[in-house]
């Protein structure tokens, strides 16, 4: 009986995680095409995926040490 106390919650967690990992695709495929050549998947982008905005931005937030005058 004591084992059932642990088995039921673990089984429930496994079931919930399996339901949450279902593969549903909501990707707009008009922006790219995918083809397989000799067993290798090639993705061809037709337009920038991020629009005109850059995907990343670099910003100096601190400096460790300084250059010494030699």
C-alpha atoms as a PDB file:
ATOM      1  CA  UNK A   1       0.000   0.000   0.000  1.00  0.00           C
ATOM      2  CA  UNK A   2       2.851   2.373   0.769  1.00  0.00           C
ATOM      3  CA  UNK A   3       4.317   1.797  -2.701  1.00  0.00           C
ATOM      4  CA  UNK A   4       1.063   2.926  -4.313  1.00  0.00           C
ATOM      5  CA  UNK A   5       1.472   6.305  -2.602  1.00  0.00           C
ATOM      6  CA  UNK A   6       4.672   6.837  -4.619  1.00  0.00           C
ATOM      7  CA  UNK A   7       3.704   5.027  -7.820  1.00  0.00           C
ATOM      8  CA  UNK A   8       0.509   6.955  -8.575  1.00  0.00           C
ATOM      9  CA  UNK A   9       2.065  10.476  -8.483  1.00  0.00           C
ATOM     10  CA  UNK A  10       5.064   9.319 -10.520  1.00  0.00           C
ATOM     11  CA  UNK A  11       2.788   7.725 -13.129  1.00  0.00           C
ATOM     12  CA  UNK A  12       0.734  10.930 -13.254  1.00  0.00           C
ATOM     13  CA  UNK A  13       3.862  13.050 -13.797  1.00  0.00           C
ATOM     14  CA  UNK A  14       5.037  10.759 -16.588  1.00  0.00           C
ATOM     15  CA  UNK A  15       1.623  10.932 -18.283  1.00  0.00           C
ATOM     16  CA  UNK A  16       1.478  14.735 -17.997  1.00  0.00           C
ATOM     17  CA  UNK A  17       4.997  15.125 -19.388  1.00  0.00           C
ATOM     18  CA  UNK A  18       4.180  12.853 -22.334  1.00  0.00           C
ATOM     19  CA  UNK A  19       1.068  14.869 -23.132  1.00  0.00           C
ATOM     20  CA  UNK A  20       3.060  18.113 -22.921  1.00  0.00           C
ATOM     21  CA  UNK A  21       5.707  16.824 -25.332  1.00  0.00           C
ATOM     22  CA  UNK A  22       3.354  16.260 -28.244  1.00  0.00           C
ATOM     23  CA  UNK A  23       4.743  17.559 -31.495  1.00  0.00           C
ATOM     24  CA  UNK A  24       2.580  20.341 -32.868  1.00  0.00           C
ATOM     25  CA  UNK A  25       4.040  22.602 -35.517  1.00  0.00           C
ATOM     26  CA  UNK A  26       2.910  26.218 -35.779  1.00  0.00           C
ATOM     27  CA  UNK A  27       5.789  27.325 -38.018  1.00  0.00           C
ATOM     28  CA  UNK A  28       5.026  29.466 -41.051  1.00  0.00           C
ATOM     29  CA  UNK A  29       6.520  27.340 -43.829  1.00  0.00           C
ATOM     30  CA  UNK A  30       6.095  30.034 -46.497  1.00  0.00           C
ATOM     31  CA  UNK A  31       9.366  31.613 -45.292  1.00  0.00           C
ATOM     32  CA  UNK A  32      11.525  28.565 -46.038  1.00  0.00           C
ATOM     33  CA  UNK A  33      11.627  25.255 -47.853  1.00  0.00           C
ATOM     34  CA  UNK A  34      13.172  22.025 -46.643  1.00  0.00           C
ATOM     35  CA  UNK A  35      14.615  19.376 -48.946  1.00  0.00           C
ATOM     36  CA  UNK A  36      16.659  16.268 -48.331  1.00  0.00           C
ATOM     37  CA  UNK A  37      19.687  15.629 -50.552  1.00  0.00           C
ATOM     38  CA  UNK A  38      21.682  12.415 -50.050  1.00  0.00           C
ATOM     39  CA  UNK A  39      20.281  11.994 -46.537  1.00  0.00           C
ATOM     40  CA  UNK A  40      21.141  15.574 -45.489  1.00  0.00           C
ATOM     41  CA  UNK A  41      18.366  18.052 -44.686  1.00  0.00           C
ATOM     42  CA  UNK A  42      18.835  21.426 -46.410  1.00  0.00           C
ATOM     43  CA  UNK A  43      16.787  24.438 -45.285  1.00  0.00           C
ATOM     44  CA  UNK A  44      16.502  27.322 -47.752  1.00  0.00           C
ATOM     45  CA  UNK A  45      15.390  30.645 -46.227  1.00  0.00           C
ATOM     46  CA  UNK A  46      13.378  32.878 -48.549  1.00  0.00           C
ATOM     47  CA  UNK A  47      13.147  35.847 -46.180  1.00  0.00           C
ATOM     48  CA  UNK A  48      14.794  36.998 -42.951  1.00  0.00           C
ATOM     49  CA  UNK A  49      13.186  35.147 -40.047  1.00  0.00           C
ATOM     50  CA  UNK A  50      13.438  38.106 -37.664  1.00  0.00           C
ATOM     51  CA  UNK A  51      12.152  40.729 -40.095  1.00  0.00           C
ATOM     52  CA  UNK A  52      14.327  43.827 -40.403  1.00  0.00           C
ATOM     53  CA  UNK A  53      15.265  43.851 -36.709  1.00  0.00           C
ATOM     54  CA  UNK A  54      18.608  42.284 -35.740  1.00  0.00           C
ATOM     55  CA  UNK A  55      18.394  39.029 -33.815  1.00  0.00           C
ATOM     56  CA  UNK A  56      20.889  40.038 -31.121  1.00  0.00           C
ATOM     57  CA  UNK A  57      22.363  43.189 -29.670  1.00  0.00           C
ATOM     58  CA  UNK A  58      25.726  43.567 -27.924  1.00  0.00           C
ATOM     59  CA  UNK A  59      26.083  46.021 -25.078  1.00  0.00           C
ATOM     60  CA  UNK A  60      29.106  46.659 -22.840  1.00  0.00           C
ATOM     61  CA  UNK A  61      27.935  46.317 -19.264  1.00  0.00           C
ATOM     62  CA  UNK A  62      31.254  46.256 -17.470  1.00  0.00           C
ATOM     63  CA  UNK A  63      34.993  45.963 -17.765  1.00  0.00           C
ATOM     64  CA  UNK A  64      37.485  43.847 -15.852  1.00  0.00           C
ATOM     65  CA  UNK A  65      40.867  45.513 -15.496  1.00  0.00           C
ATOM     66  CA  UNK A  66      42.333  48.102 -17.846  1.00  0.00           C
ATOM     67  CA  UNK A  67      45.118  48.377 -20.368  1.00  0.00           C
ATOM     68  CA  UNK A  68      48.469  49.285 -18.862  1.00  0.00           C
ATOM     69  CA  UNK A  69      50.758  51.914 -20.373  1.00  0.00           C
ATOM     70  CA  UNK A  70      53.951  50.194 -21.494  1.00  0.00           C
END
